[in-house]
């Protein structure tokens, strides 16, 4: 039985020499051409959903991958590239594979590249074609979990089939924003066409029908199935299966039909036709196994070669293509933790986002306040902060006692105003210049309350992202006047009797209810913005249920200073579907209002 397994795999590798899009003759001795690139090996899970692949002898089959990052370190605030090599018989570290020569070159230019050593290389005879996509999905998810949001996929030879299968069959949407696709561009290097039509496969002749019939008979007998476990003895043998005895086929009969049968999905001509992505295809004119494809997205074509000089030119072509798709290496951002002590001695942690070259003279520091029930790490202030830092602004995301669900219940607006004052002091102590205060959702009323109380001259402007409504009026409209009055009376009595943290209405303690929803609460936003005069920016979304047109107009009318407005028709309360747009509009307003360029 063991010999049967070895025979299958060896046959696969022998057959696969014709499946590699580029010759191994380009292999050269020596070390990496880019000594400054950092290289490490990671392991990924690539199992199909609900089906853990067990390794021979026990354990789990993991997918090795090689991570290439710039010498200065990974930049999760820029694009990342997932690469797939030529397929059976190839190796992700072969110097003639894009997963090596292009990965090193692109990492030296500032990209993060993750090169997969996927199923199609190591387990080709025993993996269903559809299951090759799961390592790709795992690689993209691993990178997204590390902070990356924009991706390209580059694939060579057989890997192009896998890339096309993934893009054609998976939703491929960002975890942080399900409306946006992760992969923005596709690069194909000598992509194989349809496996059955591969010139050296020998499947276009008169014997093809006989091979298909023999494979179907083997499957029907139950002997030619792809095994669930890669264990010796789990596969067919020449003694039990005529299909195996007939010749050096590269897969069990079921696998043969899956890759080369009449209904096989391994057809790039069909898969790419359904993909609407900008695509670069590099072709070697001497390779008859590849061809030009048509997809729904814009296509560019170039030449693939086999020499080291050709490799360098191909890497440059890929980099230029990515730049035209808005996927050029991004500016680096320095992040660090700041601590500020409150008047009561509590230390509040915050984040500092700085352009790689340090704070830019003449530009204000932007201080972004998170919204209700969030904090400095689990809120929009993170993605806003590093994006503004990429655009040249220093950003502070301050910690506040009101942060998180527990903080909202236990801290008051007065304490929040005190905390903001300490953070403005911190910015001045660091020499960061005047402050522009920004707030998302409830953060808007917190900054307006602070300015209404202090008229802090160190603050020179305001930014409101989906600013909170007038809480007392909104709550009152949700009830009858009698019910609202009764709730206020009951919560006021609880606070007076010292039960402000015990009595509740819904999820709100009496303390929080009175601080935010009582008729005299300082959360009447349209009143607070009348009490100071500063230039402001307001960004709202048309799909935000809290941002009715009436309230947006009322807020803009009440705002005392000059107010620039941006409204995104597709915008939700979190604005995550408009991250880059919101930050570009913010930077444009900062530049137009305060200069510093």
Protein backbone atom coordinates (compact mmCIF):
# COMPACT_ATOMS: atom_id res chain seq x y z
CA UNK A 1 0.00 0.00 0.00
CA UNK A 2 2.83 2.39 0.85
CA UNK A 3 4.36 1.78 -2.57
CA UNK A 4 1.02 2.74 -4.10
CA UNK A 5 1.07 6.09 -2.33
CA UNK A 6 4.66 6.76 -3.34
CA UNK A 7 3.88 5.77 -6.90
CA UNK A 8 0.99 8.21 -7.11
CA UNK A 9 2.98 11.11 -5.73
CA UNK A 10 6.08 10.43 -7.81
CA UNK A 11 3.93 10.13 -10.91
CA UNK A 12 2.41 13.48 -10.07
CA UNK A 13 5.78 15.16 -9.78
CA UNK A 14 7.05 13.59 -12.98
CA UNK A 15 3.98 14.67 -14.89
CA UNK A 16 4.17 18.12 -13.34
CA UNK A 17 7.47 19.01 -14.96
CA UNK A 18 5.37 20.09 -17.91
CA UNK A 19 3.03 22.13 -15.72
CA UNK A 20 5.61 24.61 -14.53
CA UNK A 21 5.37 27.85 -16.46
CA UNK A 22 9.06 28.68 -16.23
CA UNK A 23 12.19 26.57 -16.49
CA UNK A 24 14.21 25.69 -13.40
CA UNK A 25 17.36 26.47 -15.40
CA UNK A 26 17.27 29.96 -13.96
CA UNK A 27 18.22 28.55 -10.54
CA UNK A 28 21.42 30.19 -9.37
CA UNK A 29 23.59 29.46 -6.39
CA UNK A 30 24.09 31.94 -3.58
CA UNK A 31 22.03 33.98 -1.20
CA UNK A 32 19.03 36.20 -1.69
CA UNK A 33 19.51 39.09 -4.10
CA UNK A 34 17.94 41.39 -1.52
CA UNK A 35 19.86 40.92 1.69
CA UNK A 36 17.90 43.69 3.42
CA UNK A 37 14.61 41.81 3.14
CA UNK A 38 13.38 40.07 6.26
CA UNK A 39 12.21 36.50 5.65
CA UNK A 40 10.44 34.12 8.01
CA UNK A 41 8.37 30.95 7.75
CA UNK A 42 4.87 30.77 9.20
CA UNK A 43 2.23 28.04 9.27
CA UNK A 44 -1.38 28.49 8.18
CA UNK A 45 -4.55 26.44 8.47
CA UNK A 46 -5.90 25.52 5.07
CA UNK A 47 -8.59 22.97 5.83
CA UNK A 48 -11.96 23.08 4.10
CA UNK A 49 -14.71 24.21 6.48
CA UNK A 50 -15.68 21.42 8.83
CA UNK A 51 -13.01 19.05 7.54
CA UNK A 52 -9.72 18.94 9.43
CA UNK A 53 -6.98 17.33 7.37
CA UNK A 54 -5.00 14.84 9.40
CA UNK A 55 -1.31 14.38 8.69
CA UNK A 56 0.27 10.93 8.34
CA UNK A 57 0.92 9.61 11.82
CA UNK A 58 -1.46 12.07 13.44
CA UNK A 59 -1.75 15.80 13.89
CA UNK A 60 -2.98 18.33 11.41
CA UNK A 61 -1.74 19.23 7.96
CA UNK A 62 -0.63 22.86 8.04
CA UNK A 63 0.28 25.05 5.08
CA UNK A 64 3.80 26.51 5.16
CA UNK A 65 4.19 30.05 3.90
CA UNK A 66 7.17 32.37 3.57
CA UNK A 67 6.67 35.93 4.76
CA UNK A 68 8.79 38.62 3.09
CA UNK A 69 8.84 42.09 4.68
CA UNK A 70 11.00 45.18 4.21
CA UNK A 71 14.18 45.47 6.23
CA UNK A 72 12.56 48.30 8.21
CA UNK A 73 9.79 45.94 9.28
CA UNK A 74 6.30 45.04 8.16
CA UNK A 75 3.96 47.91 7.33
CA UNK A 76 0.40 46.78 8.13
CA UNK A 77 -0.84 50.20 7.01
CA UNK A 78 0.00 49.43 3.39
CA UNK A 79 -0.94 46.77 0.82
CA UNK A 80 0.05 43.10 1.05
CA UNK A 81 0.50 40.49 -1.67
CA UNK A 82 -0.35 36.78 -1.52
CA UNK A 83 1.62 34.68 -4.02
CA UNK A 84 1.04 31.20 -5.47
CA UNK A 85 3.74 29.29 -7.32
CA UNK A 86 3.62 27.15 -10.43
CA UNK A 87 2.10 24.02 -8.93
CA UNK A 88 3.12 20.35 -8.83
CA UNK A 89 6.87 19.96 -8.96
CA UNK A 90 7.48 23.58 -8.01
CA UNK A 91 8.65 24.96 -4.69
CA UNK A 92 7.79 28.31 -3.24
CA UNK A 93 11.51 29.05 -2.71
CA UNK A 94 12.61 28.16 -6.25
CA UNK A 95 14.44 31.15 -7.69
CA UNK A 96 12.43 30.92 -10.92
CA UNK A 97 9.08 31.29 -9.16
CA UNK A 98 7.34 34.64 -8.61
CA UNK A 99 7.00 33.49 -5.00
CA UNK A 100 10.75 33.98 -4.66
CA UNK A 101 12.21 36.45 -7.14
CA UNK A 102 9.22 38.80 -7.25
CA UNK A 103 8.55 38.40 -3.51
CA UNK A 104 12.06 39.50 -2.61
CA UNK A 105 12.06 42.40 -5.05
CA UNK A 106 8.65 43.69 -3.96
CA UNK A 107 9.52 43.38 -0.26
CA UNK A 108 12.66 45.42 -0.91
CA UNK A 109 10.37 48.10 -2.37
CA UNK A 110 8.22 48.21 0.77
CA UNK A 111 5.57 45.51 0.30
CA UNK A 112 4.60 42.69 2.62
CA UNK A 113 4.47 39.45 0.62
CA UNK A 114 3.17 36.08 1.79
CA UNK A 115 4.23 33.20 -0.50
CA UNK A 116 2.22 30.01 -0.09
CA UNK A 117 3.52 26.49 -0.31
CA UNK A 118 0.00 25.29 -0.90
CA UNK A 119 -1.75 21.99 -1.47
CA UNK A 120 -1.19 22.10 -5.22
CA UNK A 121 2.56 21.52 -4.78
CA UNK A 122 2.75 18.92 -2.02
CA UNK A 123 -0.53 16.98 -2.05
CA UNK A 124 -1.68 17.47 -5.61
CA UNK A 125 -2.77 13.84 -6.22
CA UNK A 126 -4.92 13.73 -3.09
CA UNK A 127 -6.58 17.16 -2.89
CA UNK A 128 -9.78 18.10 -4.66
CA UNK A 129 -9.37 21.06 -6.97
CA UNK A 130 -12.00 23.11 -5.10
CA UNK A 131 -10.09 22.65 -1.81
CA UNK A 132 -6.97 24.39 -3.10
CA UNK A 133 -8.63 27.74 -2.35
CA UNK A 134 -8.60 27.36 1.45
CA UNK A 135 -4.91 28.13 1.99
CA UNK A 136 -5.45 31.29 -0.09
CA UNK A 137 -8.38 32.30 2.10
CA UNK A 138 -6.34 31.52 5.22
CA UNK A 139 -3.40 33.63 4.00
CA UNK A 140 -5.59 36.67 3.30
CA UNK A 141 -7.34 36.32 6.65
CA UNK A 142 -4.03 35.98 8.49
CA UNK A 143 -2.79 39.20 6.91
CA UNK A 144 -6.08 41.01 7.55
CA UNK A 145 -5.95 39.99 11.20
CA UNK A 146 -2.47 41.56 11.28
CA UNK A 147 -3.94 44.88 10.14
CA UNK A 148 -3.68 44.84 6.34
CA UNK A 149 -6.75 45.93 4.39
CA UNK A 150 -5.70 46.02 0.72
CA UNK A 151 -4.39 43.00 -1.13
CA UNK A 152 -3.19 41.76 -4.47
CA UNK A 153 -2.82 38.12 -5.53
CA UNK A 154 0.02 37.04 -7.80
CA UNK A 155 0.09 33.53 -9.25
CA UNK A 156 2.23 31.53 -11.64
CA UNK A 157 1.40 28.55 -13.84
CA UNK A 158 -0.98 26.17 -12.10
CA UNK A 159 -1.25 28.65 -9.21
CA UNK A 160 -3.18 30.94 -11.57
CA UNK A 161 -5.94 28.32 -11.71
CA UNK A 162 -6.09 28.27 -7.92
CA UNK A 163 -6.15 32.07 -7.70
CA UNK A 164 -8.93 32.27 -10.27
CA UNK A 165 -10.89 29.53 -8.49
CA UNK A 166 -10.62 31.41 -5.19
CA UNK A 167 -11.71 34.74 -6.66
CA UNK A 168 -14.55 33.16 -8.61
CA UNK A 169 -15.94 31.12 -5.72
CA UNK A 170 -15.35 33.06 -2.48
CA UNK A 171 -17.03 36.30 -1.32
CA UNK A 172 -13.54 37.63 -0.43
CA UNK A 173 -14.80 40.51 1.69
CA UNK A 174 -13.02 42.37 4.44
CA UNK A 175 -13.77 41.17 7.94
CA UNK A 176 -13.96 44.79 9.08
CA UNK A 177 -16.23 45.83 6.23
CA UNK A 178 -18.23 43.14 4.48
CA UNK A 179 -19.16 45.43 1.61
CA UNK A 180 -15.58 45.77 0.35
CA UNK A 181 -13.54 43.13 -1.43
CA UNK A 182 -10.11 42.31 -0.03
CA UNK A 183 -8.27 41.58 -3.27
CA UNK A 184 -7.93 44.69 -5.43
CA UNK A 185 -5.72 43.36 -8.25
CA UNK A 186 -4.56 40.11 -9.84
CA UNK A 187 -1.17 39.29 -11.40
CA UNK A 188 -0.81 36.16 -13.54
CA UNK A 189 2.58 34.87 -14.70
CA UNK A 190 2.41 32.28 -17.49
CA UNK A 191 -1.04 31.14 -16.34
CA UNK A 192 -2.11 27.69 -17.44
CA UNK A 193 -5.22 27.48 -19.57
CA UNK A 194 -7.51 24.49 -19.18
CA UNK A 195 -5.71 21.47 -17.75
CA UNK A 196 -7.37 19.09 -20.19
CA UNK A 197 -6.10 21.18 -23.11
CA UNK A 198 -2.54 21.32 -21.78
CA UNK A 199 -0.36 20.24 -24.74
CA UNK A 200 1.67 17.65 -22.85
CA UNK A 201 -1.26 16.18 -20.93
CA UNK A 202 -2.12 13.86 -23.80
CA UNK A 203 -5.83 14.23 -23.19
CA UNK A 204 -7.01 15.59 -26.53
CA UNK A 205 -6.56 12.40 -28.51
CA UNK A 206 -8.80 9.46 -29.17
CA UNK A 207 -7.82 7.80 -25.91
CA UNK A 208 -9.41 10.50 -23.75
CA UNK A 209 -12.88 8.96 -23.77
CA UNK A 210 -11.44 5.61 -22.70
CA UNK A 211 -9.54 7.24 -19.82
CA UNK A 212 -12.70 9.00 -18.64
CA UNK A 213 -14.70 5.76 -18.83
CA UNK A 214 -12.03 3.86 -16.86
CA UNK A 215 -11.88 6.59 -14.23
CA UNK A 216 -15.67 6.63 -13.83
CA UNK A 217 -15.71 2.85 -13.44
CA UNK A 218 -13.03 3.09 -10.76
CA UNK A 219 -15.01 5.72 -8.88
CA UNK A 220 -18.22 3.73 -9.19
CA UNK A 221 -16.49 0.70 -7.70
CA UNK A 222 -15.52 2.78 -4.67
CA UNK A 223 -11.83 2.00 -5.16
CA UNK A 224 -10.82 5.16 -7.00
CA UNK A 225 -11.99 7.76 -4.50
CA UNK A 226 -9.78 10.50 -3.11
CA UNK A 227 -9.02 9.28 0.44
CA UNK A 228 -10.06 11.28 3.47
CA UNK A 229 -6.79 10.54 5.27
CA UNK A 230 -3.28 10.57 3.88
CA UNK A 231 -2.27 7.37 5.62
CA UNK A 232 -0.51 4.34 4.14
CA UNK A 233 -3.10 1.79 3.16
CA UNK A 234 -5.86 4.32 2.61
CA UNK A 235 -5.45 4.39 -1.17
CA UNK A 236 -6.13 2.13 -4.05
CA UNK A 237 -3.46 -0.18 -5.45
CA UNK A 238 -2.79 -1.92 -8.70
CA UNK A 239 -3.94 -5.14 -7.10
CA UNK A 240 -7.41 -3.77 -6.28
CA UNK A 241 -8.05 -1.04 -8.86
CA UNK A 242 -7.56 -1.46 -12.63
CA UNK A 243 -7.28 2.33 -12.92
CA UNK A 244 -4.05 2.31 -10.89
CA UNK A 245 -2.73 -0.68 -12.78
CA UNK A 246 -3.33 0.96 -16.17
CA UNK A 247 -0.53 3.50 -15.97
CA UNK A 248 1.19 6.34 -14.11
CA UNK A 249 -1.85 8.52 -13.58
CA UNK A 250 -1.26 11.55 -11.39
CA UNK A 251 -4.27 11.09 -9.12
CA UNK A 252 -6.85 8.59 -7.99
CA UNK A 253 -9.64 8.19 -10.53
CA UNK A 254 -11.84 10.67 -8.68
CA UNK A 255 -9.01 13.20 -8.74
CA UNK A 256 -8.42 12.62 -12.44
CA UNK A 257 -12.04 13.47 -13.18
CA UNK A 258 -11.89 16.45 -10.79
CA UNK A 259 -8.95 18.01 -12.65
CA UNK A 260 -9.17 16.62 -16.21
CA UNK A 261 -12.66 15.22 -16.62
CA UNK A 262 -15.31 16.66 -18.94
CA UNK A 263 -16.97 18.55 -16.07
CA UNK A 264 -13.73 19.66 -14.37
CA UNK A 265 -13.63 23.25 -13.09
CA UNK A 266 -9.88 23.66 -13.74
CA UNK A 267 -10.46 25.98 -16.68
CA UNK A 268 -8.98 29.45 -16.48
CA UNK A 269 -10.85 30.54 -19.58
CA UNK A 270 -14.12 30.07 -17.69
CA UNK A 271 -12.98 31.11 -14.21
CA UNK A 272 -11.40 34.41 -15.23
CA UNK A 273 -14.44 35.40 -17.27
CA UNK A 274 -16.32 35.97 -14.01
CA UNK A 275 -13.65 38.06 -12.25
CA UNK A 276 -13.93 41.85 -12.38
CA UNK A 277 -10.48 42.87 -11.13
CA UNK A 278 -7.64 44.80 -12.73
CA UNK A 279 -5.39 42.05 -14.06
CA UNK A 280 -1.80 41.95 -15.29
CA UNK A 281 -0.81 38.89 -17.34
CA UNK A 282 2.87 38.20 -18.11
CA UNK A 283 3.42 35.60 -20.84
CA UNK A 284 6.46 33.74 -22.14
CA UNK A 285 6.04 33.60 -25.96
CA UNK A 286 7.90 30.28 -26.02
CA UNK A 287 5.50 28.57 -23.60
CA UNK A 288 2.67 26.88 -25.50
CA UNK A 289 0.81 25.97 -22.31
CA UNK A 290 -0.23 29.55 -21.60
CA UNK A 291 -2.47 32.00 -23.37
CA UNK A 292 -4.15 35.38 -23.12
CA UNK A 293 -7.35 35.44 -21.10
CA UNK A 294 -10.31 37.74 -21.06
CA UNK A 295 -11.82 38.83 -17.77
CA UNK A 296 -14.48 41.33 -16.76
CA UNK A 297 -11.87 43.69 -15.34
CA UNK A 298 -9.30 45.83 -17.18
CA UNK A 299 -6.47 43.67 -18.56
CA UNK A 300 -2.82 44.52 -19.11
CA UNK A 301 -0.26 42.24 -20.75
CA UNK A 302 3.49 41.96 -20.60
CA UNK A 303 6.32 39.54 -21.28
CA UNK A 304 7.64 36.86 -18.96
CA UNK A 305 11.20 35.64 -19.34
CA UNK A 306 13.50 33.06 -17.79
CA UNK A 307 16.75 34.86 -17.05
CA UNK A 308 17.57 36.78 -13.86
CA UNK A 309 17.46 39.96 -15.91
CA UNK A 310 13.97 39.05 -17.09
CA UNK A 311 12.96 38.40 -13.50
CA UNK A 312 14.08 41.87 -12.45
CA UNK A 313 12.12 43.44 -15.30
CA UNK A 314 9.02 41.39 -14.40
CA UNK A 315 9.21 42.49 -10.77
CA UNK A 316 9.39 46.12 -11.93
CA UNK A 317 6.41 45.59 -14.26
CA UNK A 318 4.42 44.12 -11.36
CA UNK A 319 5.33 47.03 -9.06
CA UNK A 320 4.38 49.59 -11.71
CA UNK A 321 1.05 47.85 -12.28
CA UNK A 322 0.26 47.79 -8.56
CA UNK A 323 1.08 51.49 -8.32
CA UNK A 324 -1.44 52.27 -11.06
CA UNK A 325 -4.10 50.39 -9.07
CA UNK A 326 -3.54 52.52 -5.97
CA UNK A 327 -1.52 49.74 -4.35
CA UNK A 328 1.88 51.39 -4.12
CA UNK A 329 3.82 50.91 -0.85
CA UNK A 330 2.26 53.17 1.76
CA UNK A 331 4.00 55.69 4.03
CA UNK A 332 5.06 54.19 7.31
CA UNK A 333 3.45 55.24 10.59
CA UNK A 334 5.00 55.13 14.03
CA UNK A 335 2.66 54.08 16.82
CA UNK A 336 3.33 54.34 20.54
CA UNK A 337 1.45 54.32 23.83
CA UNK A 338 0.88 57.52 25.80
CA UNK A 339 -0.20 57.61 29.44
CA UNK A 340 -1.91 60.54 31.16
CA UNK A 341 -2.77 60.78 34.86
CA UNK A 342 -6.16 62.17 35.82
CA UNK A 343 -6.76 64.50 38.72
CA UNK A 344 -7.69 61.49 40.86
CA UNK A 345 -4.44 59.69 40.02
CA UNK A 346 -5.89 57.19 37.55
CA UNK A 347 -3.61 56.58 34.54
CA UNK A 348 -5.39 56.71 31.19
CA UNK A 349 -3.69 54.93 28.24
CA UNK A 350 -3.87 56.43 24.78
CA UNK A 351 -2.25 55.98 21.38
CA UNK A 352 0.04 58.28 19.43
CA UNK A 353 0.21 58.00 15.62
CA UNK A 354 3.12 59.86 14.04
CA UNK A 355 4.36 60.15 10.44
CA UNK A 356 7.54 58.12 9.95
CA UNK A 357 9.63 61.29 9.78
CA UNK A 358 8.16 62.65 13.00
CA UNK A 359 5.66 65.48 13.59
CA UNK A 360 5.54 68.03 10.78
CA UNK A 361 6.16 71.61 11.87
CA UNK A 362 3.26 73.98 11.31
CA UNK A 363 0.55 71.35 11.39
CA UNK A 364 -1.88 70.92 14.28
CA UNK A 365 -2.10 67.71 16.25
CA UNK A 366 -5.42 65.94 15.72
CA UNK A 367 -7.00 64.47 18.87
CA UNK A 368 -9.69 61.90 18.05
CA UNK A 369 -12.25 60.87 20.67
CA UNK A 370 -13.90 57.46 20.38
CA UNK A 371 -17.63 56.91 20.72
CA UNK A 372 -19.89 55.37 23.32
CA UNK A 373 -18.94 51.94 24.74
CA UNK A 374 -15.64 51.81 22.81
CA UNK A 375 -12.08 52.84 23.63
CA UNK A 376 -8.72 53.70 22.07
CA UNK A 377 -8.15 50.21 20.63
CA UNK A 378 -11.60 48.99 19.58
CA UNK A 379 -12.91 52.02 17.77
CA UNK A 380 -12.67 54.09 14.62
CA UNK A 381 -9.89 56.19 16.15
CA UNK A 382 -7.38 53.49 15.17
CA UNK A 383 -8.09 53.40 11.45
CA UNK A 384 -8.60 57.16 11.42
CA UNK A 385 -5.38 57.72 13.33
CA UNK A 386 -2.97 55.80 11.14
CA UNK A 387 -4.53 57.05 7.94
CA UNK A 388 -4.17 60.68 9.00
CA UNK A 389 -0.59 59.97 10.06
CA UNK A 390 0.10 58.61 6.58
CA UNK A 391 -1.20 61.92 5.25
CA UNK A 392 1.27 63.83 7.42
CA UNK A 393 -0.62 64.57 10.64
CA UNK A 394 0.25 63.58 14.18
CA UNK A 395 -2.77 62.02 15.89
CA UNK A 396 -3.56 61.27 19.52
CA UNK A 397 -6.32 58.83 20.46
CA UNK A 398 -6.79 59.67 24.15
CA UNK A 399 -7.97 57.29 26.83
CA UNK A 400 -10.94 58.55 28.84
CA UNK A 401 -12.55 57.33 32.03
CA UNK A 402 -15.81 57.11 30.10
CA UNK A 403 -14.29 54.51 27.73
CA UNK A 404 -15.94 51.12 27.35
CA UNK A 405 -19.37 50.00 28.49
CA UNK A 406 -18.40 50.09 32.18
CA UNK A 407 -16.85 53.54 31.82
CA UNK A 408 -19.95 54.95 30.20
CA UNK A 409 -22.00 53.74 33.15
CA UNK A 410 -19.66 55.04 35.86
CA UNK A 411 -18.06 58.23 34.51
CA UNK A 412 -19.67 61.62 34.06
CA UNK A 413 -19.45 64.27 31.37
CA UNK A 414 -17.65 66.46 33.89
CA UNK A 415 -14.95 63.83 34.38
CA UNK A 416 -14.67 63.38 30.62
CA UNK A 417 -14.11 67.12 30.19
CA UNK A 418 -11.40 66.97 32.85
CA UNK A 419 -9.73 64.06 31.02
CA UNK A 420 -9.74 65.90 27.70
CA UNK A 421 -8.06 68.85 29.39
CA UNK A 422 -5.27 66.60 30.66
CA UNK A 423 -4.75 65.25 27.14
CA UNK A 424 -4.52 68.73 25.67
CA UNK A 425 -1.93 69.48 28.37
CA UNK A 426 -0.05 66.35 27.27
CA UNK A 427 -0.04 67.41 23.62
CA UNK A 428 1.38 70.79 24.60
CA UNK A 429 4.02 69.20 26.83
CA UNK A 430 5.14 67.09 23.86
CA UNK A 431 5.48 70.24 21.75
CA UNK A 432 2.87 69.11 19.26
CA UNK A 433 1.32 72.52 18.70
CA UNK A 434 -2.33 73.54 18.65
CA UNK A 435 -5.05 70.89 18.81
CA UNK A 436 -7.89 70.04 16.47
CA UNK A 437 -10.44 68.04 18.48
CA UNK A 438 -12.34 65.32 16.62
CA UNK A 439 -15.01 62.97 17.84
CA UNK A 440 -16.92 60.02 16.42
CA UNK A 441 -20.56 59.67 17.52
CA UNK A 442 -20.65 60.37 21.29
CA UNK A 443 -17.11 61.67 21.06
CA UNK A 444 -18.61 64.71 19.34
CA UNK A 445 -20.76 65.71 22.30
CA UNK A 446 -17.83 65.12 24.67
CA UNK A 447 -15.63 67.54 22.75
CA UNK A 448 -18.45 70.09 22.40
CA UNK A 449 -19.15 69.89 26.12
CA UNK A 450 -15.44 70.42 26.85
CA UNK A 451 -15.21 73.47 24.61
CA UNK A 452 -18.49 74.86 25.93
CA UNK A 453 -17.11 74.65 29.50
CA UNK A 454 -13.51 75.74 28.92
CA UNK A 455 -13.24 77.72 25.65
CA UNK A 456 -9.73 76.26 25.56
CA UNK A 457 -7.68 78.55 23.29
CA UNK A 458 -5.26 75.73 22.54
CA UNK A 459 -8.03 74.05 20.50
CA UNK A 460 -8.31 75.64 17.06
CA UNK A 461 -10.87 73.46 15.27
CA UNK A 462 -13.35 70.59 15.53
CA UNK A 463 -14.20 67.49 13.51
CA UNK A 464 -17.47 65.58 13.87
CA UNK A 465 -17.86 62.08 12.43
CA UNK A 466 -21.56 61.10 12.67
CA UNK A 467 -22.09 63.44 15.66
CA UNK A 468 -24.46 62.29 18.37
CA UNK A 469 -27.99 63.64 18.49
CA UNK A 470 -29.56 65.65 21.31
CA UNK A 471 -29.95 62.77 23.76
CA UNK A 472 -32.69 64.20 26.03
CA UNK A 473 -34.89 65.20 23.11
CA UNK A 474 -34.36 61.89 21.33
CA UNK A 475 -35.23 59.84 24.42
CA UNK A 476 -38.28 61.97 25.10
CA UNK A 477 -39.56 61.43 21.55
CA UNK A 478 -39.31 57.65 21.99
CA UNK A 479 -41.82 57.72 24.88
CA UNK A 480 -44.98 59.46 25.93
CA UNK A 481 -44.31 62.66 27.91
CA UNK A 482 -45.73 60.99 30.99
CA UNK A 483 -43.49 57.93 30.72
CA UNK A 484 -40.39 60.08 30.14
CA UNK A 485 -41.21 62.28 33.15
CA UNK A 486 -41.73 59.20 35.31
CA UNK A 487 -38.36 57.71 34.28
CA UNK A 488 -36.58 60.99 35.00
CA UNK A 489 -38.20 61.26 38.43
CA UNK A 490 -37.34 57.67 39.32
CA UNK A 491 -33.72 57.96 38.21
CA UNK A 492 -33.29 61.36 39.91
CA UNK A 493 -34.55 59.88 43.18
CA UNK A 494 -32.15 56.92 42.85
CA UNK A 495 -29.17 59.24 42.40
CA UNK A 496 -30.29 61.40 45.32
CA UNK A 497 -30.59 58.31 47.53
CA UNK A 498 -27.12 57.04 46.62
CA UNK A 499 -28.37 54.27 44.33
CA UNK A 500 -27.14 55.84 41.11
CA UNK A 501 -25.10 52.76 40.15
CA UNK A 502 -27.77 50.25 41.18
CA UNK A 503 -31.05 51.45 39.69
CA UNK A 504 -31.26 50.97 35.92
CA UNK A 505 -33.32 51.67 32.85
CA UNK A 506 -32.45 49.12 30.25
CA UNK A 507 -28.64 49.04 30.10
CA UNK A 508 -28.22 52.49 31.68
CA UNK A 509 -27.63 53.04 35.36
CA UNK A 510 -29.46 55.95 36.98
CA UNK A 511 -26.16 57.81 37.09
CA UNK A 512 -25.61 57.47 33.32
CA UNK A 513 -29.28 58.09 32.51
CA UNK A 514 -29.36 61.43 34.34
CA UNK A 515 -25.98 62.51 32.97
CA UNK A 516 -27.08 61.87 29.38
CA UNK A 517 -30.86 61.89 29.13
CA UNK A 518 -32.28 64.21 31.80
CA UNK A 519 -33.98 67.39 30.46
CA UNK A 520 -31.11 69.52 31.78
CA UNK A 521 -28.29 67.15 30.66
CA UNK A 522 -25.35 68.69 28.83
CA UNK A 523 -25.89 66.29 25.92
CA UNK A 524 -28.11 68.67 23.98
CA UNK A 525 -25.60 68.86 21.18
CA UNK A 526 -27.31 71.59 19.19
CA UNK A 527 -27.07 73.79 22.29
CA UNK A 528 -23.42 73.03 23.09
CA UNK A 529 -22.18 73.92 19.60
CA UNK A 530 -23.74 77.38 19.96
CA UNK A 531 -21.45 78.09 22.91
CA UNK A 532 -18.07 78.25 21.16
CA UNK A 533 -16.85 79.55 17.80
CA UNK A 534 -14.35 77.44 15.88
CA UNK A 535 -14.02 76.19 12.29
CA UNK A 536 -15.48 72.72 12.00
CA UNK A 537 -15.86 69.72 9.69
CA UNK A 538 -18.83 67.34 9.81
CA UNK A 539 -18.97 64.00 7.94
CA UNK A 540 -22.24 62.04 7.97
CA UNK A 541 -23.66 59.01 6.15
CA UNK A 542 -26.91 58.62 4.27
CA UNK A 543 -27.33 55.05 5.57
CA UNK A 544 -26.79 56.03 9.20
CA UNK A 545 -30.13 55.63 11.04
CA UNK A 546 -28.97 58.18 13.62
CA UNK A 547 -28.18 60.86 11.05
CA UNK A 548 -31.53 61.97 9.68
CA UNK A 549 -31.48 64.82 7.21
CA UNK A 550 -33.44 66.95 9.68
CA UNK A 551 -30.86 66.51 12.43
CA UNK A 552 -27.91 67.14 10.09
CA UNK A 553 -29.53 70.39 8.98
CA UNK A 554 -30.39 71.36 12.55
CA UNK A 555 -26.83 70.68 13.72
CA UNK A 556 -25.29 72.65 10.85
CA UNK A 557 -27.63 75.58 11.52
CA UNK A 558 -26.79 75.57 15.24
CA UNK A 559 -23.01 75.35 14.80
CA UNK A 560 -21.62 78.77 15.54
CA UNK A 561 -18.40 78.70 13.54
CA UNK A 562 -17.81 78.04 9.85
CA UNK A 563 -18.76 74.41 9.18
CA UNK A 564 -17.70 72.32 6.18
CA UNK A 565 -20.04 69.40 5.50
CA UNK A 566 -19.48 66.08 3.73
CA UNK A 567 -22.30 63.56 3.37
CA UNK A 568 -21.74 60.09 1.92
CA UNK A 569 -24.87 58.57 0.43
CA UNK A 570 -23.63 55.04 1.22
CA UNK A 571 -22.21 55.97 4.63
CA UNK A 572 -23.14 54.04 7.77
CA UNK A 573 -22.65 55.25 11.34
CA UNK A 574 -19.21 53.62 11.54
CA UNK A 575 -18.09 55.06 8.15
CA UNK A 576 -15.98 51.94 7.62
CA UNK A 577 -17.03 51.63 4.01
CA UNK A 578 -15.52 55.10 3.40
CA UNK A 579 -12.29 54.95 5.40
CA UNK A 580 -9.93 56.37 2.79
CA UNK A 581 -12.46 58.90 1.56
CA UNK A 582 -13.22 60.19 5.05
CA UNK A 583 -9.54 60.64 5.85
CA UNK A 584 -8.80 62.28 2.51
CA UNK A 585 -11.64 64.75 3.12
CA UNK A 586 -10.38 65.35 6.66
CA UNK A 587 -6.84 66.04 5.47
CA UNK A 588 -8.12 68.35 2.72
CA UNK A 589 -10.11 70.34 5.28
CA UNK A 590 -7.16 70.54 7.67
CA UNK A 591 -4.90 71.74 4.88
CA UNK A 592 -7.39 74.31 3.61
CA UNK A 593 -8.23 75.59 7.09
CA UNK A 594 -4.88 75.59 8.88
CA UNK A 595 -2.23 75.35 6.17
CA UNK A 596 1.10 73.95 7.31
CA UNK A 597 2.20 72.64 3.91
